[in-house]
Amino acid sequence: MKYYLGVDAGGSKTYTLITDEQGNIIGKGHSGNGNHQLGVDQARANITTSVEMALQQANLTRSDIEFAFFGLAGADRPIDYTILRPLIGELGFPQHEIDCDTMIALRAGTAQPYGVVLICGSGTNSAGKNQQGQFYQCGGFNYQFGDFGGGGTLAVEAFRSVIRAWDGRETPTLLTNLLLEALGFSNVKDMFDDFMDNNKSVPLHTAKLLFQAAHQGDEVATRILRIQGEELGKAATAIIKRLNMEQESFNVVLAGSVIARGEGAYIQAYIEQAVSEIAPNATLVKLNVEPVVGAVWLAMEAGGKALSAEVYEKLKTVSDYQSIQLLDKTRM
């Protein structure tokens, strides 16, 4: 029996999954931040912890793994790979490869080995690969370097819209009462003073208030979500043009909690409009498989195993890490 290991190392969590060649999950691991840009030592420790946990549960050693594939947040530029290749090499897997986490999300979201992926979670990133194997990443850095959006930005946009409505620079918005209730304040002045005096950051979870307000017809919230959709549409358009995919049939995979889960339709409509204008044969699909599964599929393919329909169908039901845990318990 051959065994394959996949890792999804992101800015807030690192997941590891080990399967046999039939697609049965036999080991899993989890830990915190795996993005070296947020701390190399922390990322190394967390990736190692996650991998060790999965190996121990599977009762395997590194030499038992046919191929290991690592999808890494922060694997964006050549300088990143000078850090990441030695870091992953230290783990001791005989056969392994690394790539940006955008690629495991893309692989998890489509049966085709090419396409475009738009990620909108705590931050944003986008990338694509055409049928010739050419790759292009657009963004994935921060606002200063051209990006807009993700949960962090959207939370700030919601917060500042409430402040602007309070001081008269913005129209009244349903976000005001929603935000005050979520943060435990009775009025905007108290909230303003507390955040200003204590140098507080806006909690990431408040981004979801935009969807609640938009659902009730709030113009301010709807506008913010429209801008997010338009920005992601611009990223998709840039990738499609750069890779000459205008006439091709492919999937645009929507990944990340903001657009793949919850009420992403407030954003998705604008992505769809942008994509249809430049690539009418493209199809938008929401990622409903945990990205770490894409890492396992890439490990199998890199190890020379063709991904059978049986294995594909078995693992594509893993829609979140909780279901991985439940699935694993049924096999213990």
C-alpha atoms as a PDB file:
ATOM      1  CA  MET A   1       0.000   0.000   0.000  1.00  0.00           C
ATOM      2  CA  LYS A   2       1.241   3.481  -0.851  1.00  0.00           C
ATOM      3  CA  TYR A   3       0.581   6.516   1.320  1.00  0.00           C
ATOM      4  CA  TYR A   4       0.330  10.195   0.487  1.00  0.00           C
ATOM      5  CA  LEU A   5       0.576  13.293   2.658  1.00  0.00           C
ATOM      6  CA  GLY A   6      -0.861  16.743   1.991  1.00  0.00           C
ATOM      7  CA  VAL A   7      -0.388  19.939   3.992  1.00  0.00           C
ATOM      8  CA  ASP A   8      -2.310  23.200   3.904  1.00  0.00           C
ATOM      9  CA  ALA A   9      -0.288  25.767   5.844  1.00  0.00           C
ATOM     10  CA  GLY A  10      -2.116  29.078   6.158  1.00  0.00           C
ATOM     11  CA  GLY A  11      -1.845  32.226   8.215  1.00  0.00           C
ATOM     12  CA  SER A  12      -4.156  31.010  10.971  1.00  0.00           C
ATOM     13  CA  LYS A  13      -4.048  27.220  10.735  1.00  0.00           C
ATOM     14  CA  THR A  14      -2.065  24.295   9.358  1.00  0.00           C
ATOM     15  CA  TYR A  15      -3.794  21.055   8.371  1.00  0.00           C
ATOM     16  CA  THR A  16      -2.158  17.754   7.433  1.00  0.00           C
ATOM     17  CA  LEU A  17      -3.904  14.790   5.870  1.00  0.00           C
ATOM     18  CA  ILE A  18      -2.545  11.313   5.106  1.00  0.00           C
ATOM     19  CA  THR A  19      -4.407   8.865   2.905  1.00  0.00           C
ATOM     20  CA  ASP A  20      -3.662   5.507   1.385  1.00  0.00           C
ATOM     21  CA  GLU A  21      -3.745   5.030  -2.382  1.00  0.00           C
ATOM     22  CA  GLN A  22      -7.441   4.204  -2.236  1.00  0.00           C
ATOM     23  CA  GLY A  23      -8.244   7.596  -0.721  1.00  0.00           C
ATOM     24  CA  ASN A  24      -8.918   6.372   2.821  1.00  0.00           C
ATOM     25  CA  ILE A  25      -7.961   8.921   5.470  1.00  0.00           C
ATOM     26  CA  ILE A  26      -5.618   7.309   7.994  1.00  0.00           C
ATOM     27  CA  GLY A  27      -3.946  10.280   9.656  1.00  0.00           C
ATOM     28  CA  LYS A  28      -4.625  13.931  10.328  1.00  0.00           C
ATOM     29  CA  GLY A  29      -2.869  16.785  12.096  1.00  0.00           C
ATOM     30  CA  HIS A  30      -3.567  20.396  12.893  1.00  0.00           C
ATOM     31  CA  SER A  31      -1.809  23.380  14.419  1.00  0.00           C
ATOM     32  CA  GLY A  32      -1.573  27.144  14.058  1.00  0.00           C
ATOM     33  CA  ASN A  33       0.045  29.626  11.662  1.00  0.00           C
ATOM     34  CA  GLY A  34       2.135  28.074   8.911  1.00  0.00           C
ATOM     35  CA  ASN A  35       2.962  31.261   6.972  1.00  0.00           C
ATOM     36  CA  HIS A  36       6.671  32.028   7.252  1.00  0.00           C
ATOM     37  CA  GLN A  37       5.988  35.692   6.518  1.00  0.00           C
ATOM     38  CA  LEU A  38       4.342  35.889   9.938  1.00  0.00           C
ATOM     39  CA  GLY A  39       7.301  34.219  11.630  1.00  0.00           C
ATOM     40  CA  VAL A  40       9.666  31.581  10.248  1.00  0.00           C
ATOM     41  CA  ASP A  41      10.275  29.778  13.543  1.00  0.00           C
ATOM     42  CA  GLN A  42       6.587  29.687  14.376  1.00  0.00           C
ATOM     43  CA  ALA A  43       5.697  28.402  10.917  1.00  0.00           C
ATOM     44  CA  ARG A  44       8.384  25.713  11.120  1.00  0.00           C
ATOM     45  CA  ALA A  45       7.151  24.572  14.532  1.00  0.00           C
ATOM     46  CA  ASN A  46       3.493  24.495  13.538  1.00  0.00           C
ATOM     47  CA  ILE A  47       4.042  22.674  10.249  1.00  0.00           C
ATOM     48  CA  THR A  48       6.216  20.130  12.046  1.00  0.00           C
ATOM     49  CA  THR A  49       3.623  19.644  14.787  1.00  0.00           C
ATOM     50  CA  SER A  50       0.824  19.101  12.288  1.00  0.00           C
ATOM     51  CA  VAL A  51       2.866  16.623  10.242  1.00  0.00           C
ATOM     52  CA  GLU A  52       4.039  14.684  13.311  1.00  0.00           C
ATOM     53  CA  MET A  53       0.464  14.443  14.597  1.00  0.00           C
ATOM     54  CA  ALA A  54      -0.736  12.948  11.314  1.00  0.00           C
ATOM     55  CA  LEU A  55       2.174  10.494  11.068  1.00  0.00           C
ATOM     56  CA  GLN A  56       1.657   9.335  14.631  1.00  0.00           C
ATOM     57  CA  GLN A  57      -2.049   8.767  14.094  1.00  0.00           C
ATOM     58  CA  ALA A  58      -1.356   6.858  10.865  1.00  0.00           C
ATOM     59  CA  ASN A  59       1.434   4.887  12.560  1.00  0.00           C
ATOM     60  CA  LEU A  60       3.771   5.730   9.676  1.00  0.00           C
ATOM     61  CA  THR A  61       7.264   7.142   9.292  1.00  0.00           C
ATOM     62  CA  ARG A  62       8.452   9.667   6.726  1.00  0.00           C
ATOM     63  CA  SER A  63       9.989   6.916   4.617  1.00  0.00           C
ATOM     64  CA  ASP A  64       6.544   5.286   4.337  1.00  0.00           C
ATOM     65  CA  ILE A  65       5.162   8.320   2.502  1.00  0.00           C
ATOM     66  CA  GLU A  66       5.262   7.905  -1.264  1.00  0.00           C
ATOM     67  CA  PHE A  67       4.953  11.664  -1.836  1.00  0.00           C
ATOM     68  CA  ALA A  68       4.276  14.717   0.322  1.00  0.00           C
ATOM     69  CA  PHE A  69       2.850  17.936  -1.066  1.00  0.00           C
ATOM     70  CA  PHE A  70       2.856  21.225   0.822  1.00  0.00           C
ATOM     71  CA  GLY A  71       0.558  24.132  -0.032  1.00  0.00           C
ATOM     72  CA  LEU A  72       2.064  27.120   1.744  1.00  0.00           C
ATOM     73  CA  ALA A  73       0.684  30.577   2.357  1.00  0.00           C
ATOM     74  CA  GLY A  74       3.443  33.085   1.654  1.00  0.00           C
ATOM     75  CA  ALA A  75       5.025  31.010  -1.135  1.00  0.00           C
ATOM     76  CA  ASP A  76       4.636  33.977  -3.459  1.00  0.00           C
ATOM     77  CA  ARG A  77       8.050  35.036  -4.802  1.00  0.00           C
ATOM     78  CA  PRO A  78      11.437  33.447  -5.491  1.00  0.00           C
ATOM     79  CA  ILE A  79      12.809  34.910  -2.260  1.00  0.00           C
ATOM     80  CA  ASP A  80      10.123  33.002  -0.345  1.00  0.00           C
ATOM     81  CA  TYR A  81      11.247  29.719  -1.852  1.00  0.00           C
ATOM     82  CA  THR A  82      14.836  30.277  -0.676  1.00  0.00           C
ATOM     83  CA  ILE A  83      13.387  30.075   2.831  1.00  0.00           C
ATOM     84  CA  LEU A  84      10.686  27.487   2.298  1.00  0.00           C
ATOM     85  CA  ARG A  85      12.575  24.820   0.365  1.00  0.00           C
ATOM     86  CA  PRO A  86      15.143  24.302   3.158  1.00  0.00           C
ATOM     87  CA  LEU A  87      12.415  24.582   5.810  1.00  0.00           C
ATOM     88  CA  ILE A  88      10.312  21.824   4.238  1.00  0.00           C
ATOM     89  CA  GLY A  89      13.414  19.845   3.324  1.00  0.00           C
ATOM     90  CA  GLU A  90      14.259  19.635   7.027  1.00  0.00           C
ATOM     91  CA  LEU A  91      11.135  17.539   7.572  1.00  0.00           C
ATOM     92  CA  GLY A  92      12.870  14.632   5.878  1.00  0.00           C
ATOM     93  CA  PHE A  93      10.395  13.370   3.304  1.00  0.00           C
ATOM     94  CA  PRO A  94      12.247  11.553   0.484  1.00  0.00           C
ATOM     95  CA  GLN A  95       9.821  12.800  -2.187  1.00  0.00           C
ATOM     96  CA  HIS A  96       8.112  16.143  -1.677  1.00  0.00           C
ATOM     97  CA  GLU A  97       7.125  19.399  -3.395  1.00  0.00           C
ATOM     98  CA  ILE A  98       5.900  22.812  -2.323  1.00  0.00           C
ATOM     99  CA  ASP A  99       3.670  25.400  -3.958  1.00  0.00           C
ATOM    100  CA  CYS A 100       1.586  28.398  -3.022  1.00  0.00           C
ATOM    101  CA  ASP A 101      -1.617  27.552  -1.171  1.00  0.00           C
ATOM    102  CA  THR A 102      -3.565  29.004  -4.089  1.00  0.00           C
ATOM    103  CA  MET A 103      -2.652  25.927  -6.128  1.00  0.00           C
ATOM    104  CA  ILE A 104      -4.004  23.392  -3.662  1.00  0.00           C
ATOM    105  CA  ALA A 105      -7.235  25.401  -3.470  1.00  0.00           C
ATOM    106  CA  LEU A 106      -7.438  25.384  -7.267  1.00  0.00           C
ATOM    107  CA  ARG A 107      -6.781  21.644  -7.426  1.00  0.00           C
ATOM    108  CA  ALA A 108      -9.381  20.971  -4.743  1.00  0.00           C
ATOM    109  CA  GLY A 109     -11.998  22.998  -6.583  1.00  0.00           C
ATOM    110  CA  THR A 110     -11.851  21.548 -10.075  1.00  0.00           C
ATOM    111  CA  ALA A 111     -11.324  18.203 -11.761  1.00  0.00           C
ATOM    112  CA  GLN A 112      -9.189  19.961 -14.387  1.00  0.00           C
ATOM    113  CA  PRO A 113      -5.444  20.550 -13.883  1.00  0.00           C
ATOM    114  CA  TYR A 114      -5.837  24.195 -14.939  1.00  0.00           C
ATOM    115  CA  GLY A 115      -8.091  27.167 -14.215  1.00  0.00           C
ATOM    116  CA  VAL A 116      -8.287  30.257 -12.040  1.00  0.00           C
ATOM    117  CA  VAL A 117      -8.669  30.511  -8.271  1.00  0.00           C
ATOM    118  CA  LEU A 118      -9.825  33.532  -6.284  1.00  0.00           C
ATOM    119  CA  ILE A 119      -9.270  33.381  -2.536  1.00  0.00           C
ATOM    120  CA  CYS A 120     -11.111  35.726  -0.199  1.00  0.00           C
ATOM    121  CA  GLY A 121     -10.750  34.670   3.413  1.00  0.00           C
ATOM    122  CA  SER A 122      -8.981  36.747   6.043  1.00  0.00           C
ATOM    123  CA  GLY A 123      -7.139  38.301   3.091  1.00  0.00           C
ATOM    124  CA  THR A 124      -7.213  37.897  -0.682  1.00  0.00           C
ATOM    125  CA  ASN A 125      -5.099  36.157  -3.284  1.00  0.00           C
ATOM    126  CA  SER A 126      -5.608  34.978  -6.844  1.00  0.00           C
ATOM    127  CA  ALA A 127      -3.776  32.815  -9.329  1.00  0.00           C
ATOM    128  CA  GLY A 128      -4.221  30.728 -12.439  1.00  0.00           C
ATOM    129  CA  LYS A 129      -2.689  28.029 -14.593  1.00  0.00           C
ATOM    130  CA  ASN A 130      -3.472  27.507 -18.275  1.00  0.00           C
ATOM    131  CA  GLN A 131      -3.512  24.293 -20.300  1.00  0.00           C
ATOM    132  CA  GLN A 132       0.120  24.841 -21.258  1.00  0.00           C
ATOM    133  CA  GLY A 133       1.101  24.825 -17.584  1.00  0.00           C
ATOM    134  CA  GLN A 134       1.923  28.527 -17.394  1.00  0.00           C
ATOM    135  CA  PHE A 135       1.258  30.025 -13.955  1.00  0.00           C
ATOM    136  CA  TYR A 136       0.442  33.569 -12.893  1.00  0.00           C
ATOM    137  CA  GLN A 137      -0.290  34.960  -9.446  1.00  0.00           C
ATOM    138  CA  CYS A 138      -2.044  38.306  -9.125  1.00  0.00           C
ATOM    139  CA  GLY A 139      -1.825  39.980  -5.728  1.00  0.00           C
ATOM    140  CA  GLY A 140      -1.754  38.222  -2.395  1.00  0.00           C
ATOM    141  CA  PHE A 141       0.293  40.884  -0.629  1.00  0.00           C
ATOM    142  CA  ASN A 142      -1.527  43.859   0.909  1.00  0.00           C
ATOM    143  CA  TYR A 143      -3.365  47.095   0.168  1.00  0.00           C
ATOM    144  CA  GLN A 144      -0.154  49.031  -0.472  1.00  0.00           C
ATOM    145  CA  PHE A 145       0.783  46.580  -3.217  1.00  0.00           C
ATOM    146  CA  GLY A 146      -2.557  46.647  -4.998  1.00  0.00           C
ATOM    147  CA  ASP A 147      -4.867  44.358  -3.024  1.00  0.00           C
ATOM    148  CA  PHE A 148      -8.254  45.122  -1.571  1.00  0.00           C
ATOM    149  CA  GLY A 149     -10.419  43.045   0.680  1.00  0.00           C
ATOM    150  CA  GLY A 150     -10.664  39.868   2.593  1.00  0.00           C
ATOM    151  CA  GLY A 151     -12.217  39.585   6.040  1.00  0.00           C
ATOM    152  CA  GLY A 152      -9.684  41.883   7.660  1.00  0.00           C
ATOM    153  CA  THR A 153     -10.321  44.736   5.250  1.00  0.00           C
ATOM    154  CA  LEU A 154     -14.075  44.181   5.206  1.00  0.00           C
ATOM    155  CA  ALA A 155     -14.218  44.329   9.007  1.00  0.00           C
ATOM    156  CA  VAL A 156     -12.401  47.669   8.938  1.00  0.00           C
ATOM    157  CA  GLU A 157     -14.699  48.940   6.192  1.00  0.00           C
ATOM    158  CA  ALA A 158     -17.737  48.071   8.297  1.00  0.00           C
ATOM    159  CA  PHE A 159     -16.251  49.758  11.369  1.00  0.00           C
ATOM    160  CA  ARG A 160     -15.226  52.942   9.586  1.00  0.00           C
ATOM    161  CA  SER A 161     -18.611  53.184   7.852  1.00  0.00           C
ATOM    162  CA  VAL A 162     -20.268  53.267  11.281  1.00  0.00           C
ATOM    163  CA  ILE A 163     -17.837  55.971  12.420  1.00  0.00           C
ATOM    164  CA  ARG A 164     -18.474  57.991   9.264  1.00  0.00           C
ATOM    165  CA  ALA A 165     -22.241  57.722   9.684  1.00  0.00           C
ATOM    166  CA  TRP A 166     -21.867  58.856  13.298  1.00  0.00           C
ATOM    167  CA  ASP A 167     -19.752  61.911  12.472  1.00  0.00           C
ATOM    168  CA  GLY A 168     -21.830  62.876   9.436  1.00  0.00           C
ATOM    169  CA  ARG A 169     -19.558  61.837   6.562  1.00  0.00           C
ATOM    170  CA  GLU A 170     -21.616  58.775   5.613  1.00  0.00           C
ATOM    171  CA  THR A 171     -25.298  58.027   5.269  1.00  0.00           C
ATOM    172  CA  PRO A 172     -27.011  56.189   8.154  1.00  0.00           C
ATOM    173  CA  THR A 173     -26.443  52.432   8.050  1.00  0.00           C
ATOM    174  CA  LEU A 174     -27.872  49.333   9.687  1.00  0.00           C
ATOM    175  CA  LEU A 175     -24.271  48.401  10.437  1.00  0.00           C
ATOM    176  CA  THR A 176     -24.332  50.790  13.393  1.00  0.00           C
ATOM    177  CA  ASN A 177     -26.672  48.782  15.600  1.00  0.00           C
ATOM    178  CA  LEU A 178     -25.274  45.480  14.391  1.00  0.00           C
ATOM    179  CA  LEU A 179     -21.708  46.513  15.225  1.00  0.00           C
ATOM    180  CA  LEU A 180     -22.566  48.030  18.614  1.00  0.00           C
ATOM    181  CA  GLU A 181     -24.359  44.848  19.604  1.00  0.00           C
ATOM    182  CA  ALA A 182     -21.558  42.618  18.343  1.00  0.00           C
ATOM    183  CA  LEU A 183     -18.878  44.570  20.227  1.00  0.00           C
ATOM    184  CA  GLY A 184     -20.912  45.258  23.358  1.00  0.00           C
ATOM    185  CA  PHE A 185     -21.279  49.050  23.255  1.00  0.00           C
ATOM    186  CA  SER A 186     -24.365  51.178  23.839  1.00  0.00           C
ATOM    187  CA  ASN A 187     -23.305  54.043  21.567  1.00  0.00           C
ATOM    188  CA  VAL A 188     -20.763  54.887  18.868  1.00  0.00           C
ATOM    189  CA  LYS A 189     -18.876  57.464  20.970  1.00  0.00           C
ATOM    190  CA  ASP A 190     -18.012  54.887  23.624  1.00  0.00           C
ATOM    191  CA  MET A 191     -16.899  52.461  20.934  1.00  0.00           C
ATOM    192  CA  PHE A 192     -14.836  55.137  19.188  1.00  0.00           C
ATOM    193  CA  ASP A 193     -13.110  56.201  22.419  1.00  0.00           C
ATOM    194  CA  ASP A 194     -12.375  52.637  23.525  1.00  0.00           C
ATOM    195  CA  PHE A 195     -10.827  51.617  20.199  1.00  0.00           C
ATOM    196  CA  MET A 196      -8.917  54.888  19.858  1.00  0.00           C
ATOM    197  CA  ASP A 197      -7.618  55.091  23.432  1.00  0.00           C
ATOM    198  CA  ASN A 198      -6.601  51.450  23.620  1.00  0.00           C
ATOM    199  CA  ASN A 199      -5.316  51.130  20.043  1.00  0.00           C
ATOM    200  CA  LYS A 200      -7.659  48.211  19.355  1.00  0.00           C
ATOM    201  CA  SER A 201      -8.004  46.428  16.046  1.00  0.00           C
ATOM    202  CA  VAL A 202     -11.386  45.615  14.556  1.00  0.00           C
ATOM    203  CA  PRO A 203     -12.228  41.930  15.184  1.00  0.00           C
ATOM    204  CA  LEU A 204     -12.220  39.813  12.052  1.00  0.00           C
ATOM    205  CA  HIS A 205     -15.608  38.277  12.793  1.00  0.00           C
ATOM    206  CA  THR A 206     -17.376  41.624  12.348  1.00  0.00           C
ATOM    207  CA  ALA A 207     -16.958  41.271   8.568  1.00  0.00           C
ATOM    208  CA  LYS A 208     -19.998  38.979   8.580  1.00  0.00           C
ATOM    209  CA  LEU A 209     -22.149  41.945   9.669  1.00  0.00           C
ATOM    210  CA  LEU A 210     -21.868  43.302   6.130  1.00  0.00           C
ATOM    211  CA  PHE A 211     -23.835  40.326   4.837  1.00  0.00           C
ATOM    212  CA  GLN A 212     -26.462  40.700   7.548  1.00  0.00           C
ATOM    213  CA  ALA A 213     -26.942  44.378   6.753  1.00  0.00           C
ATOM    214  CA  ALA A 214     -26.940  43.782   2.986  1.00  0.00           C
ATOM    215  CA  HIS A 215     -29.594  41.097   3.417  1.00  0.00           C
ATOM    216  CA  GLN A 216     -31.779  43.771   5.007  1.00  0.00           C
ATOM    217  CA  GLY A 217     -31.204  46.129   2.074  1.00  0.00           C
ATOM    218  CA  ASP A 218     -28.544  48.372   3.607  1.00  0.00           C
ATOM    219  CA  GLU A 219     -26.946  50.480   0.842  1.00  0.00           C
ATOM    220  CA  VAL A 220     -23.647  51.027   2.660  1.00  0.00           C
ATOM    221  CA  ALA A 221     -23.013  47.337   3.264  1.00  0.00           C
ATOM    222  CA  THR A 222     -24.140  46.424  -0.234  1.00  0.00           C
ATOM    223  CA  ARG A 223     -21.718  48.933  -1.736  1.00  0.00           C
ATOM    224  CA  ILE A 224     -18.758  47.573   0.242  1.00  0.00           C
ATOM    225  CA  LEU A 225     -19.521  44.017  -0.863  1.00  0.00           C
ATOM    226  CA  ARG A 226     -19.945  45.192  -4.465  1.00  0.00           C
ATOM    227  CA  ILE A 227     -16.490  46.771  -4.367  1.00  0.00           C
ATOM    228  CA  GLN A 228     -15.060  43.507  -3.039  1.00  0.00           C
ATOM    229  CA  GLY A 229     -16.683  41.609  -5.903  1.00  0.00           C
ATOM    230  CA  GLU A 230     -15.447  44.079  -8.489  1.00  0.00           C
ATOM    231  CA  GLU A 231     -11.894  43.845  -7.149  1.00  0.00           C
ATOM    232  CA  LEU A 232     -11.918  40.054  -7.325  1.00  0.00           C
ATOM    233  CA  GLY A 233     -13.352  40.323 -10.833  1.00  0.00           C
ATOM    234  CA  LYS A 234     -10.447  42.572 -11.822  1.00  0.00           C
ATOM    235  CA  ALA A 235      -7.988  40.011 -10.466  1.00  0.00           C
ATOM    236  CA  ALA A 236      -9.651  37.217 -12.451  1.00  0.00           C
ATOM    237  CA  THR A 237      -9.610  39.342 -15.592  1.00  0.00           C
ATOM    238  CA  ALA A 238      -5.907  40.122 -15.165  1.00  0.00           C
ATOM    239  CA  ILE A 239      -5.050  36.423 -14.793  1.00  0.00           C
ATOM    240  CA  ILE A 240      -7.156  35.342 -17.762  1.00  0.00           C
ATOM    241  CA  LYS A 241      -5.553  37.972 -19.991  1.00  0.00           C
ATOM    242  CA  ARG A 242      -2.004  37.217 -18.839  1.00  0.00           C
ATOM    243  CA  LEU A 243      -2.442  33.495 -19.503  1.00  0.00           C
ATOM    244  CA  ASN A 244      -4.352  33.955 -22.797  1.00  0.00           C
ATOM    245  CA  MET A 245      -7.322  31.938 -21.540  1.00  0.00           C
ATOM    246  CA  GLU A 246     -10.068  34.088 -23.054  1.00  0.00           C
ATOM    247  CA  GLN A 247     -11.319  31.376 -25.421  1.00  0.00           C
ATOM    248  CA  GLU A 248     -10.771  28.394 -23.131  1.00  0.00           C
ATOM    249  CA  SER A 249     -13.268  26.435 -21.050  1.00  0.00           C
ATOM    250  CA  PHE A 250     -12.179  26.302 -17.421  1.00  0.00           C
ATOM    251  CA  ASN A 251     -13.377  26.773 -13.858  1.00  0.00           C
ATOM    252  CA  VAL A 252     -12.929  29.869 -11.744  1.00  0.00           C
ATOM    253  CA  VAL A 253     -12.739  28.473  -8.220  1.00  0.00           C
ATOM    254  CA  LEU A 254     -14.027  30.709  -5.427  1.00  0.00           C
ATOM    255  CA  ALA A 255     -12.255  29.881  -2.180  1.00  0.00           C
ATOM    256  CA  GLY A 256     -12.099  31.361   1.296  1.00  0.00           C
ATOM    257  CA  SER A 257     -14.793  31.933   3.899  1.00  0.00           C
ATOM    258  CA  VAL A 258     -15.998  35.258   2.484  1.00  0.00           C
ATOM    259  CA  ILE A 259     -17.012  33.918  -0.927  1.00  0.00           C
ATOM    260  CA  ALA A 260     -17.070  30.120  -0.607  1.00  0.00           C
ATOM    261  CA  ARG A 261     -19.153  30.025   2.557  1.00  0.00           C
ATOM    262  CA  GLY A 262     -21.953  32.180   3.859  1.00  0.00           C
ATOM    263  CA  GLU A 263     -23.808  34.625   1.645  1.00  0.00           C
ATOM    264  CA  GLY A 264     -21.186  35.149  -1.036  1.00  0.00           C
ATOM    265  CA  ALA A 265     -23.803  35.965  -3.681  1.00  0.00           C
ATOM    266  CA  TYR A 266     -23.527  39.653  -2.780  1.00  0.00           C
ATOM    267  CA  ILE A 267     -19.956  39.453  -4.059  1.00  0.00           C
ATOM    268  CA  GLN A 268     -20.168  36.637  -6.599  1.00  0.00           C
ATOM    269  CA  ALA A 269     -22.467  38.456  -9.031  1.00  0.00           C
ATOM    270  CA  TYR A 270     -19.778  41.025  -9.808  1.00  0.00           C
ATOM    271  CA  ILE A 271     -17.085  38.384 -10.251  1.00  0.00           C
ATOM    272  CA  GLU A 272     -19.352  36.499 -12.627  1.00  0.00           C
ATOM    273  CA  GLN A 273     -20.030  39.629 -14.645  1.00  0.00           C
ATOM    274  CA  ALA A 274     -16.335  40.410 -15.048  1.00  0.00           C
ATOM    275  CA  VAL A 275     -15.408  36.847 -15.990  1.00  0.00           C
ATOM    276  CA  SER A 276     -18.255  36.383 -18.480  1.00  0.00           C
ATOM    277  CA  GLU A 277     -17.241  39.514 -20.371  1.00  0.00           C
ATOM    278  CA  ILE A 278     -13.694  38.280 -21.026  1.00  0.00           C
ATOM    279  CA  ALA A 279     -14.025  34.466 -20.913  1.00  0.00           C
ATOM    280  CA  PRO A 280     -17.593  33.424 -21.814  1.00  0.00           C
ATOM    281  CA  ASN A 281     -16.744  29.706 -21.625  1.00  0.00           C
ATOM    282  CA  ALA A 282     -15.513  29.909 -18.026  1.00  0.00           C
ATOM    283  CA  THR A 283     -17.640  28.636 -15.137  1.00  0.00           C
ATOM    284  CA  LEU A 284     -17.620  29.875 -11.552  1.00  0.00           C
ATOM    285  CA  VAL A 285     -17.576  27.137  -8.890  1.00  0.00           C
ATOM    286  CA  LYS A 286     -17.447  27.456  -5.122  1.00  0.00           C
ATOM    287  CA  LEU A 287     -14.811  25.426  -3.347  1.00  0.00           C
ATOM    288  CA  ASN A 288     -16.671  22.962  -1.151  1.00  0.00           C
ATOM    289  CA  VAL A 289     -13.704  20.740  -0.358  1.00  0.00           C
ATOM    290  CA  GLU A 290     -11.117  21.482   2.313  1.00  0.00           C
ATOM    291  CA  PRO A 291      -7.988  22.735   0.431  1.00  0.00           C
ATOM    292  CA  VAL A 292      -5.772  20.178   2.158  1.00  0.00           C
ATOM    293  CA  VAL A 293      -7.542  17.564   0.033  1.00  0.00           C
ATOM    294  CA  GLY A 294      -6.136  19.344  -3.023  1.00  0.00           C
ATOM    295  CA  ALA A 295      -2.673  18.896  -1.527  1.00  0.00           C
ATOM    296  CA  VAL A 296      -3.291  15.154  -1.206  1.00  0.00           C
ATOM    297  CA  TRP A 297      -4.479  14.928  -4.814  1.00  0.00           C
ATOM    298  CA  LEU A 298      -1.363  16.813  -5.967  1.00  0.00           C
ATOM    299  CA  ALA A 299       0.801  14.469  -3.900  1.00  0.00           C
ATOM    300  CA  MET A 300      -0.767  11.465  -5.625  1.00  0.00           C
ATOM    301  CA  GLU A 301      -0.297  12.960  -9.076  1.00  0.00           C
ATOM    302  CA  ALA A 302       3.275  14.036  -8.343  1.00  0.00           C
ATOM    303  CA  GLY A 303       3.974  10.530  -7.079  1.00  0.00           C
ATOM    304  CA  GLY A 304       2.868   9.093 -10.413  1.00  0.00           C
ATOM    305  CA  LYS A 305      -0.576   7.888  -9.399  1.00  0.00           C
ATOM    306  CA  ALA A 306      -3.438   8.814 -11.691  1.00  0.00           C
ATOM    307  CA  LEU A 307      -6.338  10.185  -9.681  1.00  0.00           C
ATOM    308  CA  SER A 308      -9.111   7.621 -10.124  1.00  0.00           C
ATOM    309  CA  ALA A 309     -12.781   8.515 -10.071  1.00  0.00           C
ATOM    310  CA  GLU A 310     -13.179   6.421  -6.917  1.00  0.00           C
ATOM    311  CA  VAL A 311     -10.475   8.317  -5.012  1.00  0.00           C
ATOM    312  CA  TYR A 312     -11.709  11.640  -6.328  1.00  0.00           C
ATOM    313  CA  GLU A 313     -15.297  10.975  -5.266  1.00  0.00           C
ATOM    314  CA  LYS A 314     -14.257   9.635  -1.869  1.00  0.00           C
ATOM    315  CA  LEU A 315     -12.199  12.672  -0.877  1.00  0.00           C
ATOM    316  CA  LYS A 316     -14.254  15.420  -2.457  1.00  0.00           C
ATOM    317  CA  THR A 317     -16.876  14.865   0.244  1.00  0.00           C
ATOM    318  CA  VAL A 318     -14.456  16.307   2.811  1.00  0.00           C
ATOM    319  CA  SER A 319     -15.936  19.800   2.996  1.00  0.00           C
ATOM    320  CA  ASP A 320     -14.301  21.008   6.199  1.00  0.00           C
ATOM    321  CA  TYR A 321     -11.811  19.849   8.790  1.00  0.00           C
ATOM    322  CA  GLN A 322     -14.563  18.842  11.185  1.00  0.00           C
ATOM    323  CA  SER A 323     -15.830  16.374   8.605  1.00  0.00           C
ATOM    324  CA  ILE A 324     -12.289  15.062   8.264  1.00  0.00           C
ATOM    325  CA  GLN A 325     -12.334  14.341  11.996  1.00  0.00           C
ATOM    326  CA  LEU A 326     -15.726  12.658  11.803  1.00  0.00           C
ATOM    327  CA  LEU A 327     -14.703  10.635   8.770  1.00  0.00           C
ATOM    328  CA  ASP A 328     -11.541   9.550  10.519  1.00  0.00           C
ATOM    329  CA  LYS A 329     -13.421   8.384  13.624  1.00  0.00           C
ATOM    330  CA  THR A 330     -15.638   6.134  11.531  1.00  0.00           C
ATOM    331  CA  ARG A 331     -12.539   4.298  10.344  1.00  0.00           C
ATOM    332  CA  MET A 332     -10.931   3.859  13.767  1.00  0.00           C
END
